[in-house]
């Protein structure tokens, strides 16, 4: 329901150009929904809006997605403008790196978390912190690259170390048996 509200509000924001109105209406709708849940279904409320872990995970997941999505969205136009490369070359290079890097990082993230967790139960938290901090210098290195090959190399390491290993960690936080 909340996702539907956000999608409708985003569409109406684009159509009407009144972003503040639709953002405010979305926030009001979700807050009202949480308030109603608090009174009508307290058990569900405690598992969602009443749980700090759920709130933190929701907001941090959204922030990480916005960060990684922004980098992935603007990496091709940036490389085309600053490195004087055509769209086909940059798109193919970064596309292949994205597919391979993201897929590999999910498996590696899960594998490393499993191994590390045998010695330290806090391993998923440590990996999540690493995943949050390592991409920042890699992004700066990407922005200072002078050739396409170095740009693609830093982009590959960025993709490998960015939020994708977090997907491998989800099995530790959301056990479904």
Protein backbone atom coordinates (compact mmCIF):
# COMPACT_ATOMS: atom_id res chain seq x y z
CA UNK A 1 0.00 0.00 0.00
CA UNK A 2 2.78 2.43 0.92
CA UNK A 3 4.68 1.57 -2.28
CA UNK A 4 1.54 2.19 -4.31
CA UNK A 5 1.10 5.59 -2.71
CA UNK A 6 4.69 6.51 -3.53
CA UNK A 7 4.37 5.38 -7.16
CA UNK A 8 1.11 7.29 -7.67
CA UNK A 9 2.53 10.40 -5.98
CA UNK A 10 5.68 10.25 -8.11
CA UNK A 11 3.62 9.96 -11.27
CA UNK A 12 1.36 12.84 -10.28
CA UNK A 13 4.39 14.95 -9.34
CA UNK A 14 5.83 14.51 -12.80
CA UNK A 15 2.50 15.13 -14.52
CA UNK A 16 1.53 18.22 -12.54
CA UNK A 17 4.92 19.64 -11.59
CA UNK A 18 3.79 20.12 -7.96
CA UNK A 19 6.44 18.01 -6.24
CA UNK A 20 6.08 19.46 -2.73
CA UNK A 21 2.33 18.84 -2.71
CA UNK A 22 2.59 15.19 -3.67
CA UNK A 23 5.55 14.51 -1.38
CA UNK A 24 3.64 16.02 1.55
CA UNK A 25 0.55 13.99 0.66
CA UNK A 26 2.65 10.81 0.49
CA UNK A 27 4.23 11.44 3.88
CA UNK A 28 0.81 12.23 5.35
CA UNK A 29 -0.67 9.04 3.87
CA UNK A 30 2.08 6.77 5.21
CA UNK A 31 1.97 8.46 8.63
CA UNK A 32 -1.81 8.04 8.75
CA UNK A 33 -1.49 4.40 7.73
CA UNK A 34 1.05 3.83 10.53
CA UNK A 35 -1.26 5.55 13.03
CA UNK A 36 -4.23 3.41 11.98
CA UNK A 37 -2.09 0.26 12.22
CA UNK A 38 -1.01 1.28 15.71
CA UNK A 39 -4.64 1.17 16.84
CA UNK A 40 -6.16 -1.58 14.69
CA UNK A 41 -3.30 -4.08 14.44
CA UNK A 42 -0.78 -3.45 17.23
CA UNK A 43 1.11 -6.72 16.58
CA UNK A 44 1.80 -5.78 12.94
CA UNK A 45 2.66 -2.23 13.97
CA UNK A 46 5.27 -3.52 16.44
CA UNK A 47 6.86 -5.62 13.68
CA UNK A 48 7.02 -2.69 11.23
CA UNK A 49 6.67 0.94 12.22
CA UNK A 50 7.16 0.16 15.92
CA UNK A 51 10.50 -1.61 15.36
CA UNK A 52 13.60 0.59 15.21
CA UNK A 53 15.49 -2.04 13.23
CA UNK A 54 12.77 -2.07 10.57
CA UNK A 55 12.75 1.73 10.37
CA UNK A 56 16.55 1.97 10.17
CA UNK A 57 16.75 -0.83 7.59
CA UNK A 58 14.06 0.83 5.46
CA UNK A 59 15.69 4.25 5.47
CA UNK A 60 19.23 2.96 5.06
CA UNK A 61 18.18 0.67 2.22
CA UNK A 62 16.54 3.60 0.48
CA UNK A 63 19.61 5.80 1.00
CA UNK A 64 22.00 3.14 -0.28
CA UNK A 65 19.80 2.49 -3.29
CA UNK A 66 19.65 6.21 -4.10
CA UNK A 67 23.44 6.51 -3.81
CA UNK A 68 24.24 3.47 -5.94
CA UNK A 69 21.44 4.21 -8.40
CA UNK A 70 22.66 7.75 -8.89
CA UNK A 71 26.20 6.60 -9.58
CA UNK A 72 25.02 3.90 -11.99
CA UNK A 73 22.67 6.30 -13.78
CA UNK A 74 25.16 9.10 -14.31
CA UNK A 75 28.34 7.06 -14.82
CA UNK A 76 27.80 6.65 -18.58
CA UNK A 77 27.01 10.32 -19.38
CA UNK A 78 29.87 11.41 -17.14
CA UNK A 79 32.35 9.12 -18.89
CA UNK A 80 31.12 10.23 -22.30
CA UNK A 81 31.61 13.91 -21.46
CA UNK A 82 34.84 13.81 -19.49
CA UNK A 83 36.66 11.00 -21.30
CA UNK A 84 35.41 11.87 -24.82
CA UNK A 85 34.13 8.37 -25.49
CA UNK A 86 31.10 7.27 -27.49
CA UNK A 87 27.97 5.88 -25.87
CA UNK A 88 28.33 2.37 -27.31
CA UNK A 89 31.81 1.81 -25.91
CA UNK A 90 31.04 3.18 -22.47
CA UNK A 91 27.64 1.50 -22.27
CA UNK A 92 28.98 -1.91 -23.25
CA UNK A 93 31.97 -1.65 -20.91
CA UNK A 94 30.02 -0.49 -17.87
CA UNK A 95 27.08 -2.78 -18.63
CA UNK A 96 29.23 -5.91 -18.70
CA UNK A 97 31.12 -4.81 -15.60
CA UNK A 98 27.81 -4.15 -13.80
CA UNK A 99 26.37 -7.57 -14.57
CA UNK A 100 29.48 -9.51 -13.64
CA UNK A 101 30.44 -7.34 -10.66
CA UNK A 102 26.99 -7.25 -9.10
CA UNK A 103 26.41 -10.97 -9.53
CA UNK A 104 29.81 -11.87 -8.13
CA UNK A 105 29.50 -9.50 -5.20
CA UNK A 106 26.23 -11.07 -4.04
CA UNK A 107 27.86 -14.48 -3.87
CA UNK A 108 31.10 -13.21 -2.39
CA UNK A 109 29.24 -11.08 0.18
CA UNK A 110 27.21 -14.05 1.34
CA UNK A 111 30.23 -16.37 1.37
CA UNK A 112 32.40 -13.93 3.32
CA UNK A 113 29.57 -13.25 5.78
CA UNK A 114 29.08 -16.99 6.36
CA UNK A 115 32.79 -17.58 6.99
CA UNK A 116 33.26 -14.47 9.11
CA UNK A 117 30.13 -15.20 11.14
CA UNK A 118 31.63 -18.47 12.35
CA UNK A 119 34.20 -16.41 14.29
CA UNK A 120 32.19 -13.27 15.05
CA UNK A 121 28.39 -13.06 15.27
CA UNK A 122 28.61 -9.35 14.37
CA UNK A 123 30.06 -10.13 10.93
CA UNK A 124 26.98 -9.03 8.94
CA UNK A 125 27.10 -5.64 10.66
CA UNK A 126 30.82 -5.24 9.92
CA UNK A 127 30.30 -6.18 6.28
CA UNK A 128 27.42 -3.73 6.00
CA UNK A 129 29.64 -0.95 7.36
CA UNK A 130 32.41 -1.87 4.93
CA UNK A 131 29.89 -1.85 2.08
CA UNK A 132 28.81 1.66 3.11
CA UNK A 133 32.30 3.14 3.42
CA UNK A 134 34.41 1.54 0.68
CA UNK A 135 32.44 2.89 -2.32
CA UNK A 136 33.04 6.53 -1.34
CA UNK A 137 36.77 6.66 -2.18
CA UNK A 138 36.11 4.51 -5.25
CA UNK A 139 33.61 7.07 -6.49
CA UNK A 140 36.18 9.82 -5.99
CA UNK A 141 38.76 7.75 -7.88
CA UNK A 142 36.26 7.26 -10.73
CA UNK A 143 35.72 11.00 -10.95
CA UNK A 144 39.47 11.60 -11.24
CA UNK A 145 40.15 8.89 -13.86
CA UNK A 146 41.75 10.17 -17.06
CA UNK A 147 41.31 7.12 -19.28
CA UNK A 148 38.34 4.87 -19.98
CA UNK A 149 40.21 1.77 -18.78
CA UNK A 150 40.94 3.25 -15.34
CA UNK A 151 37.39 4.57 -15.13
CA UNK A 152 35.97 1.12 -15.91
CA UNK A 153 38.38 -0.49 -13.42
CA UNK A 154 37.28 1.82 -10.59
CA UNK A 155 33.64 1.39 -11.65
CA UNK A 156 34.05 -2.40 -11.50
CA UNK A 157 35.46 -2.25 -7.98
CA UNK A 158 32.70 0.24 -7.03
CA UNK A 159 30.00 -2.15 -8.29
CA UNK A 160 31.65 -5.11 -6.58
CA UNK A 161 31.95 -3.33 -3.24
CA UNK A 162 28.78 -1.27 -3.24
CA UNK A 163 25.38 -2.39 -1.93
CA UNK A 164 25.34 -5.71 -3.76
CA UNK A 165 27.17 -7.63 -1.00
CA UNK A 166 24.37 -6.43 1.23
CA UNK A 167 22.04 -8.67 -0.76
CA UNK A 168 24.11 -11.65 0.30
CA UNK A 169 23.69 -10.55 3.91
CA UNK A 170 19.90 -10.53 3.73
CA UNK A 171 19.86 -14.26 4.44
CA UNK A 172 21.36 -13.50 7.86
CA UNK A 173 18.78 -10.88 8.77
CA UNK A 174 15.65 -12.34 7.17
CA UNK A 175 15.60 -16.07 7.83
CA UNK A 176 12.67 -17.85 6.21
CA UNK A 177 12.47 -21.53 7.07
